[in-house]
């Protein structure tokens, strides 16, 4: 999977919400990822988080449409070591508001050797490669 990116919730949500501040950027980046023939890999926790945000902010129709579009993406499960590393990471950076989901994605990205497609500066703080 060297030609992929591990998606964070922000860009996935921004693609769906025309009112999101990052909507146009997310669409441009999605096009760039497609031109570069990069796979957008989605961790199951991100799938759940993005779907929930879309459902509660944009409604059932938007959530259903989004889900039908993302169903062809390659999905990956975190392993128990990813969760352990995430908990350790959160504890080692107590001055940061890093969510356990973000820390888990960072651990997965490091294990899978994939950069993260994100708008969240915490991935830089966690020294996780970010796709830009």
N, C-alpha and C. Protein backbone atom coordinates (compact mmCIF):
# COMPACT_ATOMS: atom_id res chain seq x y z
N UNK A 1 0.82 -1.20 0.00
CA UNK A 1 0.00 0.00 0.00
C UNK A 1 0.86 1.25 0.00
N UNK A 2 1.94 1.27 -0.69
CA UNK A 2 2.82 2.44 -0.68
C UNK A 2 2.23 3.61 -1.45
N UNK A 3 1.25 3.38 -2.30
CA UNK A 3 0.64 4.47 -3.08
C UNK A 3 -0.71 4.86 -2.50
N UNK A 4 -0.82 4.86 -1.21
CA UNK A 4 -2.07 5.21 -0.59
C UNK A 4 -1.91 6.30 0.45
N UNK A 5 -3.03 6.75 0.96
CA UNK A 5 -3.08 7.67 2.09
C UNK A 5 -4.13 7.13 3.05
N UNK A 6 -3.89 7.35 4.31
CA UNK A 6 -4.86 6.97 5.33
C UNK A 6 -5.69 8.20 5.65
N UNK A 7 -6.97 8.14 5.38
CA UNK A 7 -7.83 9.31 5.52
C UNK A 7 -8.21 9.58 6.96
N UNK A 8 -8.21 10.85 7.31
CA UNK A 8 -8.74 11.31 8.58
C UNK A 8 -10.18 11.77 8.34
N UNK A 9 -10.91 12.00 9.39
CA UNK A 9 -12.31 12.39 9.28
C UNK A 9 -12.49 13.74 8.59
N UNK A 10 -11.62 14.71 8.87
CA UNK A 10 -11.79 16.07 8.35
C UNK A 10 -11.99 16.14 6.85
N UNK A 11 -11.06 15.61 6.06
CA UNK A 11 -11.25 15.68 4.61
C UNK A 11 -12.45 14.89 4.11
N UNK A 12 -12.71 13.73 4.71
CA UNK A 12 -13.86 12.93 4.28
C UNK A 12 -15.16 13.69 4.53
N UNK A 13 -15.24 14.34 5.68
CA UNK A 13 -16.43 15.14 5.98
C UNK A 13 -16.51 16.36 5.06
N UNK A 14 -15.39 17.04 4.87
CA UNK A 14 -15.37 18.26 4.07
C UNK A 14 -15.83 18.01 2.64
N UNK A 15 -15.50 16.85 2.08
CA UNK A 15 -15.95 16.52 0.73
C UNK A 15 -17.49 16.51 0.67
N UNK A 16 -18.12 16.05 1.73
CA UNK A 16 -19.58 15.89 1.75
C UNK A 16 -20.33 17.18 2.07
N UNK A 17 -19.70 18.10 2.79
CA UNK A 17 -20.39 19.29 3.27
C UNK A 17 -19.94 20.53 2.51
N UNK A 18 -20.79 21.01 1.62
CA UNK A 18 -20.47 22.19 0.82
C UNK A 18 -20.26 23.43 1.68
N UNK A 19 -20.79 23.44 2.89
CA UNK A 19 -20.63 24.57 3.79
C UNK A 19 -19.38 24.51 4.65
N UNK A 20 -18.66 23.41 4.57
CA UNK A 20 -17.45 23.26 5.38
C UNK A 20 -16.35 24.17 4.84
N UNK A 21 -15.58 24.75 5.76
CA UNK A 21 -14.51 25.67 5.37
C UNK A 21 -13.46 25.01 4.47
N UNK A 22 -13.32 23.69 4.56
CA UNK A 22 -12.32 22.97 3.77
C UNK A 22 -12.92 22.25 2.55
N UNK A 23 -14.18 22.52 2.24
CA UNK A 23 -14.85 21.78 1.16
C UNK A 23 -14.11 21.87 -0.18
N UNK A 24 -13.81 23.08 -0.63
CA UNK A 24 -13.14 23.23 -1.93
C UNK A 24 -11.75 22.61 -1.91
N UNK A 25 -11.04 22.81 -0.82
CA UNK A 25 -9.71 22.20 -0.67
C UNK A 25 -9.82 20.68 -0.74
N UNK A 26 -10.78 20.12 -0.03
CA UNK A 26 -10.95 18.66 -0.02
C UNK A 26 -11.25 18.13 -1.42
N UNK A 27 -12.08 18.83 -2.17
CA UNK A 27 -12.38 18.40 -3.54
C UNK A 27 -11.14 18.47 -4.43
N UNK A 28 -10.36 19.55 -4.30
CA UNK A 28 -9.11 19.66 -5.08
C UNK A 28 -8.15 18.52 -4.73
N UNK A 29 -8.01 18.27 -3.44
CA UNK A 29 -7.10 17.21 -3.01
C UNK A 29 -7.60 15.83 -3.43
N UNK A 30 -8.89 15.63 -3.40
CA UNK A 30 -9.45 14.36 -3.86
C UNK A 30 -9.12 14.15 -5.33
N UNK A 31 -9.25 15.19 -6.12
CA UNK A 31 -8.88 15.10 -7.54
C UNK A 31 -7.39 14.80 -7.71
N UNK A 32 -6.55 15.43 -6.90
CA UNK A 32 -5.11 15.19 -6.96
C UNK A 32 -4.80 13.74 -6.59
N UNK A 33 -5.43 13.24 -5.56
CA UNK A 33 -5.23 11.84 -5.16
C UNK A 33 -5.63 10.90 -6.30
N UNK A 34 -6.71 11.22 -6.96
CA UNK A 34 -7.16 10.38 -8.08
C UNK A 34 -6.17 10.45 -9.24
N UNK A 35 -5.68 11.67 -9.56
CA UNK A 35 -4.69 11.81 -10.63
C UNK A 35 -3.42 11.03 -10.31
N UNK A 36 -3.02 11.05 -9.05
CA UNK A 36 -1.82 10.33 -8.62
C UNK A 36 -2.08 8.83 -8.44
N UNK A 37 -3.30 8.42 -8.66
CA UNK A 37 -3.71 7.02 -8.50
C UNK A 37 -3.38 6.47 -7.12
N UNK A 38 -3.64 7.30 -6.13
CA UNK A 38 -3.44 6.89 -4.74
C UNK A 38 -4.74 6.34 -4.18
N UNK A 39 -4.62 5.24 -3.46
CA UNK A 39 -5.78 4.70 -2.77
C UNK A 39 -6.05 5.53 -1.52
N UNK A 40 -7.31 5.78 -1.27
CA UNK A 40 -7.70 6.44 -0.03
C UNK A 40 -8.16 5.33 0.90
N UNK A 41 -7.30 5.02 1.86
CA UNK A 41 -7.56 3.94 2.80
C UNK A 41 -8.29 4.53 4.01
N UNK A 42 -9.32 3.85 4.45
CA UNK A 42 -10.15 4.36 5.55
C UNK A 42 -10.12 3.37 6.71
N UNK A 43 -9.70 3.85 7.86
CA UNK A 43 -9.74 3.04 9.08
C UNK A 43 -11.20 2.98 9.56
N UNK A 44 -11.61 1.84 10.06
CA UNK A 44 -13.00 1.71 10.50
C UNK A 44 -13.42 2.75 11.53
N UNK A 45 -12.57 3.13 12.49
CA UNK A 45 -13.00 4.20 13.41
C UNK A 45 -13.30 5.52 12.68
N UNK A 46 -12.56 5.81 11.62
CA UNK A 46 -12.80 7.03 10.84
C UNK A 46 -14.11 6.91 10.06
N UNK A 47 -14.37 5.74 9.51
CA UNK A 47 -15.64 5.51 8.82
C UNK A 47 -16.80 5.81 9.76
N UNK A 48 -16.73 5.29 10.97
CA UNK A 48 -17.81 5.48 11.94
C UNK A 48 -17.95 6.95 12.34
N UNK A 49 -16.81 7.61 12.59
CA UNK A 49 -16.84 9.01 13.01
C UNK A 49 -17.37 9.92 11.90
N UNK A 50 -16.87 9.74 10.67
CA UNK A 50 -17.30 10.58 9.55
C UNK A 50 -18.78 10.37 9.24
N UNK A 51 -19.20 9.12 9.22
CA UNK A 51 -20.62 8.83 8.95
C UNK A 51 -21.50 9.50 10.00
N UNK A 52 -21.13 9.39 11.26
CA UNK A 52 -21.93 9.99 12.34
C UNK A 52 -22.01 11.51 12.20
N UNK A 53 -20.88 12.15 11.87
CA UNK A 53 -20.90 13.60 11.68
C UNK A 53 -21.82 13.99 10.52
N UNK A 54 -21.71 13.28 9.42
CA UNK A 54 -22.54 13.59 8.26
C UNK A 54 -24.01 13.35 8.58
N UNK A 55 -24.31 12.25 9.25
CA UNK A 55 -25.69 11.94 9.61
C UNK A 55 -26.30 13.03 10.47
N UNK A 56 -25.59 13.44 11.52
CA UNK A 56 -26.17 14.39 12.46
C UNK A 56 -26.09 15.84 11.99
N UNK A 57 -25.14 16.17 11.13
CA UNK A 57 -25.03 17.55 10.63
C UNK A 57 -25.75 17.78 9.31
N UNK A 58 -25.75 16.76 8.45
CA UNK A 58 -26.29 16.94 7.10
C UNK A 58 -27.54 16.12 6.83
N UNK A 59 -27.83 15.15 7.67
CA UNK A 59 -29.06 14.38 7.53
C UNK A 59 -28.87 12.99 6.94
N UNK A 60 -29.95 12.22 7.02
CA UNK A 60 -29.90 10.82 6.58
C UNK A 60 -29.61 10.66 5.10
N UNK A 61 -30.19 11.50 4.28
CA UNK A 61 -29.97 11.38 2.83
C UNK A 61 -28.50 11.59 2.49
N UNK A 62 -27.90 12.64 3.04
CA UNK A 62 -26.48 12.92 2.78
C UNK A 62 -25.61 11.78 3.31
N UNK A 63 -25.94 11.26 4.48
CA UNK A 63 -25.17 10.16 5.06
C UNK A 63 -25.27 8.91 4.21
N UNK A 64 -26.45 8.63 3.71
CA UNK A 64 -26.66 7.46 2.86
C UNK A 64 -25.90 7.60 1.54
N UNK A 65 -25.94 8.78 0.95
CA UNK A 65 -25.21 9.03 -0.30
C UNK A 65 -23.72 8.88 -0.06
N UNK A 66 -23.21 9.48 1.01
CA UNK A 66 -21.79 9.40 1.33
C UNK A 66 -21.36 7.95 1.53
N UNK A 67 -22.17 7.20 2.24
CA UNK A 67 -21.83 5.81 2.52
C UNK A 67 -21.78 4.99 1.23
N UNK A 68 -22.69 5.25 0.32
CA UNK A 68 -22.68 4.51 -0.95
C UNK A 68 -21.47 4.87 -1.81
N UNK A 69 -20.93 6.08 -1.63
CA UNK A 69 -19.75 6.50 -2.38
C UNK A 69 -18.47 5.94 -1.80
N UNK A 70 -18.42 5.77 -0.51
CA UNK A 70 -17.17 5.36 0.14
C UNK A 70 -17.06 3.84 0.26
N UNK A 71 -18.13 3.14 -0.04
CA UNK A 71 -18.16 1.68 0.18
C UNK A 71 -17.07 0.94 -0.61
N UNK A 72 -16.58 1.51 -1.69
CA UNK A 72 -15.55 0.85 -2.50
C UNK A 72 -14.13 1.12 -2.00
N UNK A 73 -13.98 1.97 -0.99
CA UNK A 73 -12.65 2.27 -0.45
C UNK A 73 -12.09 1.05 0.27
N UNK A 74 -10.76 0.93 0.29
CA UNK A 74 -10.18 -0.13 1.12
C UNK A 74 -10.27 0.29 2.60
N UNK A 75 -10.80 -0.60 3.41
CA UNK A 75 -10.96 -0.35 4.84
C UNK A 75 -9.95 -1.17 5.62
N UNK A 76 -9.47 -0.62 6.73
CA UNK A 76 -8.52 -1.33 7.58
C UNK A 76 -8.96 -1.22 9.04
N UNK A 77 -8.72 -2.30 9.75
CA UNK A 77 -8.99 -2.35 11.18
C UNK A 77 -7.73 -2.02 11.96
N UNK A 78 -7.88 -1.28 13.04
CA UNK A 78 -6.74 -1.14 13.94
C UNK A 78 -6.48 -2.50 14.61
N UNK A 79 -5.25 -2.73 14.99
CA UNK A 79 -4.93 -3.94 15.76
C UNK A 79 -4.72 -3.51 17.21
N UNK A 80 -4.67 -4.46 18.10
CA UNK A 80 -4.57 -4.12 19.52
C UNK A 80 -3.34 -3.26 19.82
N UNK A 81 -2.23 -3.51 19.14
CA UNK A 81 -1.04 -2.68 19.36
C UNK A 81 -1.26 -1.23 18.95
N UNK A 82 -2.10 -0.99 17.93
CA UNK A 82 -2.42 0.39 17.53
C UNK A 82 -3.10 1.11 18.69
N UNK A 83 -4.04 0.44 19.33
CA UNK A 83 -4.74 1.06 20.46
C UNK A 83 -3.79 1.30 21.63
N UNK A 84 -2.90 0.36 21.90
CA UNK A 84 -1.93 0.54 22.99
C UNK A 84 -1.01 1.73 22.70
N UNK A 85 -0.52 1.79 21.46
CA UNK A 85 0.35 2.91 21.09
C UNK A 85 -0.40 4.24 21.17
N UNK A 86 -1.67 4.22 20.78
CA UNK A 86 -2.48 5.44 20.84
C UNK A 86 -2.64 5.91 22.28
N UNK A 87 -2.92 5.00 23.19
CA UNK A 87 -3.07 5.38 24.59
C UNK A 87 -1.75 5.94 25.14
N UNK A 88 -0.66 5.30 24.77
CA UNK A 88 0.66 5.80 25.19
C UNK A 88 0.91 7.20 24.64
N UNK A 89 0.56 7.40 23.37
CA UNK A 89 0.79 8.70 22.73
C UNK A 89 -0.01 9.80 23.43
N UNK A 90 -1.25 9.52 23.75
CA UNK A 90 -2.09 10.51 24.44
C UNK A 90 -1.47 10.86 25.80
N UNK A 91 -0.95 9.86 26.50
CA UNK A 91 -0.33 10.10 27.81
C UNK A 91 0.98 10.85 27.70
N UNK A 92 1.72 10.66 26.61
CA UNK A 92 3.02 11.34 26.48
C UNK A 92 2.88 12.78 26.00
N UNK A 93 1.69 13.16 25.57
CA UNK A 93 1.45 14.54 25.12
C UNK A 93 0.27 15.15 25.90
N UNK A 94 0.38 15.23 27.22
CA UNK A 94 -0.76 15.66 28.04
C UNK A 94 -1.17 17.12 27.82
N UNK A 95 -0.30 17.92 27.22
CA UNK A 95 -0.63 19.33 26.98
C UNK A 95 -1.39 19.52 25.67
N UNK A 96 -1.63 18.43 24.95
CA UNK A 96 -2.34 18.49 23.67
C UNK A 96 -3.72 17.84 23.79
N UNK A 97 -4.67 18.34 23.02
CA UNK A 97 -6.02 17.75 23.00
C UNK A 97 -6.12 16.75 21.86
N UNK A 98 -5.37 15.69 21.97
CA UNK A 98 -5.35 14.66 20.92
C UNK A 98 -6.40 13.61 21.26
N UNK A 99 -7.29 13.36 20.32
CA UNK A 99 -8.31 12.35 20.56
C UNK A 99 -7.70 10.96 20.43
N UNK A 100 -8.35 10.01 21.05
CA UNK A 100 -7.89 8.63 20.96
C UNK A 100 -8.04 8.12 19.52
N UNK A 101 -9.03 8.62 18.80
CA UNK A 101 -9.19 8.23 17.40
C UNK A 101 -7.99 8.72 16.59
N UNK A 102 -7.62 9.99 16.76
CA UNK A 102 -6.47 10.52 16.01
C UNK A 102 -5.19 9.79 16.37
N UNK A 103 -5.00 9.51 17.65
CA UNK A 103 -3.80 8.79 18.07
C UNK A 103 -3.78 7.37 17.49
N UNK A 104 -4.95 6.76 17.38
CA UNK A 104 -5.04 5.42 16.79
C UNK A 104 -4.72 5.48 15.30
N UNK A 105 -5.23 6.47 14.61
CA UNK A 105 -4.93 6.63 13.18
C UNK A 105 -3.43 6.87 12.99
N UNK A 106 -2.83 7.67 13.87
CA UNK A 106 -1.39 7.91 13.78
C UNK A 106 -0.62 6.60 13.95
N UNK A 107 -1.02 5.79 14.90
CA UNK A 107 -0.36 4.50 15.12
C UNK A 107 -0.53 3.60 13.89
N UNK A 108 -1.72 3.60 13.31
CA UNK A 108 -1.97 2.80 12.12
C UNK A 108 -1.13 3.30 10.95
N UNK A 109 -1.05 4.60 10.78
CA UNK A 109 -0.28 5.19 9.69
C UNK A 109 1.18 4.78 9.79
N UNK A 110 1.71 4.82 10.99
CA UNK A 110 3.10 4.41 11.19
C UNK A 110 3.29 2.93 10.90
N UNK A 111 2.37 2.11 11.36
CA UNK A 111 2.47 0.67 11.12
C UNK A 111 2.34 0.33 9.64
N UNK A 112 1.39 0.98 8.96
CA UNK A 112 1.14 0.70 7.55
C UNK A 112 2.06 1.48 6.61
N UNK A 113 2.83 2.41 7.19
CA UNK A 113 3.74 3.26 6.42
C UNK A 113 2.98 4.06 5.36
N UNK A 114 1.89 4.68 5.81
CA UNK A 114 1.06 5.53 4.96
C UNK A 114 0.99 6.93 5.56
N UNK A 115 1.06 7.97 4.72
CA UNK A 115 0.82 9.31 5.24
C UNK A 115 -0.68 9.49 5.50
N UNK A 116 -0.99 10.44 6.37
CA UNK A 116 -2.39 10.71 6.70
C UNK A 116 -2.87 11.91 5.91
N UNK A 117 -4.06 11.78 5.31
CA UNK A 117 -4.72 12.91 4.65
C UNK A 117 -5.58 13.57 5.73
N UNK A 118 -5.14 14.71 6.20
CA UNK A 118 -5.79 15.36 7.34
C UNK A 118 -5.63 16.87 7.28
N UNK A 119 -6.46 17.55 8.06
CA UNK A 119 -6.31 18.99 8.26
C UNK A 119 -6.01 19.29 9.73
N UNK A 120 -5.74 18.26 10.49
CA UNK A 120 -5.54 18.35 11.93
C UNK A 120 -4.05 18.47 12.24
N UNK A 121 -3.67 19.56 12.89
CA UNK A 121 -2.25 19.80 13.21
C UNK A 121 -1.69 18.81 14.23
N UNK A 122 -2.56 18.09 14.91
CA UNK A 122 -2.08 17.13 15.91
C UNK A 122 -1.25 16.01 15.30
N UNK A 123 -1.46 15.71 14.03
CA UNK A 123 -0.64 14.67 13.40
C UNK A 123 0.81 15.15 13.26
N UNK A 124 0.98 16.44 13.02
CA UNK A 124 2.34 17.00 13.01
C UNK A 124 2.95 16.93 14.40
N UNK A 125 2.17 17.25 15.41
CA UNK A 125 2.63 17.19 16.79
C UNK A 125 3.04 15.75 17.14
N UNK A 126 2.27 14.77 16.63
CA UNK A 126 2.58 13.37 16.91
C UNK A 126 3.69 12.83 15.99
N UNK A 127 4.21 13.71 15.12
CA UNK A 127 5.29 13.34 14.19
C UNK A 127 4.87 12.19 13.27
N UNK A 128 3.64 12.30 12.78
CA UNK A 128 3.09 11.33 11.85
C UNK A 128 3.16 11.94 10.45
N UNK A 129 3.66 11.20 9.46
CA UNK A 129 3.71 11.73 8.10
C UNK A 129 2.31 12.13 7.61
N UNK A 130 2.24 13.32 7.04
CA UNK A 130 0.97 13.86 6.53
C UNK A 130 1.11 14.06 5.03
N UNK A 131 0.08 13.64 4.29
CA UNK A 131 0.06 13.86 2.84
C UNK A 131 -0.40 15.28 2.59
N UNK A 132 0.38 16.00 1.80
CA UNK A 132 0.01 17.39 1.44
C UNK A 132 0.21 17.58 -0.03
